[in-house]
Amino acid sequence: MEVKCPICAKQVVWAPTSEYRPFCSKKCQLIDLGEWAAEDRKIAGKPAEDATPKHIDVEEIEAMLAQQQEDFFKH
């Protein structure tokens, strides 16, 4: 069975002996990895909920930090 390389469309034999399948080469494999890392590729789905708080209370954060042990940040 042969498939097309997702990057360059070259025919690739789909077999355990094809080291980079579904890619034709290490180069195409790394190009694909780079596209995923740069978020040029993604799996379709519902948009994620915005995890950023709507309101940041600086005083509340400072109060929480003040409650930490003095050596908390010295690790």
Protein backbone atom coordinates (compact mmCIF):
# COMPACT_ATOMS: atom_id res chain seq x y z
CA MET A 1 0.00 0.00 0.00
CA GLU A 2 1.25 3.50 -0.79
CA VAL A 3 0.22 6.84 0.70
CA LYS A 4 1.19 10.40 -0.10
CA CYS A 5 3.59 12.22 2.21
CA PRO A 6 1.49 14.88 3.98
CA ILE A 7 4.18 17.51 3.35
CA CYS A 8 5.50 16.98 -0.19
CA ALA A 9 2.95 14.49 -1.61
CA LYS A 10 5.66 11.98 -2.62
CA GLN A 11 4.48 8.35 -2.62
CA VAL A 12 5.49 6.44 0.52
CA VAL A 13 5.20 2.70 1.05
CA TRP A 14 3.07 2.06 4.15
CA ALA A 15 5.04 -0.71 5.81
CA PRO A 16 6.99 -1.30 9.03
CA THR A 17 10.18 -0.84 7.00
CA SER A 18 9.22 2.77 6.18
CA GLU A 19 11.04 4.50 9.01
CA TYR A 20 9.30 7.89 8.70
CA ARG A 21 5.81 6.87 7.60
CA PRO A 22 3.56 8.59 6.74
CA PHE A 23 6.38 10.95 5.76
CA CYS A 24 8.89 10.25 3.00
CA SER A 25 11.89 11.52 4.96
CA LYS A 26 13.16 12.91 8.25
CA LYS A 27 13.05 16.38 6.66
CA CYS A 28 9.29 16.17 5.98
CA GLN A 29 8.73 14.70 9.45
CA LEU A 30 10.52 17.68 11.05
CA ILE A 31 8.68 20.20 8.86
CA ASP A 32 5.39 18.70 10.09
CA LEU A 33 6.55 18.79 13.72
CA GLY A 34 7.52 22.44 13.31
CA GLU A 35 4.09 23.28 11.91
CA TRP A 36 2.42 21.67 14.93
CA ALA A 37 4.79 23.44 17.32
CA ALA A 38 4.07 26.79 15.65
CA GLU A 39 0.34 25.98 15.90
CA ASP A 40 -0.03 26.21 12.11
CA ARG A 41 -1.73 22.80 12.33
CA LYS A 42 -4.40 21.89 14.84
CA ILE A 43 -7.15 19.37 15.44
CA ALA A 44 -10.59 20.81 14.79
CA GLY A 45 -12.83 21.15 17.80
CA LYS A 46 -14.85 23.53 19.87
CA PRO A 47 -12.98 26.68 20.87
CA ALA A 48 -11.52 26.43 24.36
CA GLU A 49 -13.01 28.44 27.16
CA ASP A 50 -11.00 31.56 27.90
CA ALA A 51 -8.90 30.59 30.92
CA THR A 52 -7.76 34.16 31.50
CA PRO A 53 -9.49 35.70 34.50
CA LYS A 54 -11.77 38.59 33.61
CA HIS A 55 -10.58 40.62 36.57
CA ILE A 56 -7.22 40.36 38.27
CA ASP A 57 -7.18 41.64 41.83
CA VAL A 58 -3.58 42.65 42.45
CA GLU A 59 -4.19 43.20 46.16
CA GLU A 60 -5.56 39.67 46.51
CA ILE A 61 -2.48 38.24 44.79
CA GLU A 62 -0.16 40.30 46.99
CA ALA A 63 -1.99 39.08 50.10
CA MET A 64 -1.56 35.43 49.00
CA LEU A 65 2.14 35.98 48.33
CA ALA A 66 2.57 37.61 51.74
CA GLN A 67 1.25 34.42 53.37
CA GLN A 68 3.96 32.28 51.73
CA GLN A 69 6.96 31.11 53.70
CA GLU A 70 9.91 33.44 53.40
CA ASP A 71 12.05 30.79 51.68
CA PHE A 72 9.32 29.86 49.20
CA PHE A 73 11.10 31.47 46.23
CA LYS A 74 14.61 30.44 47.27
CA HIS A 75 14.53 26.88 45.87
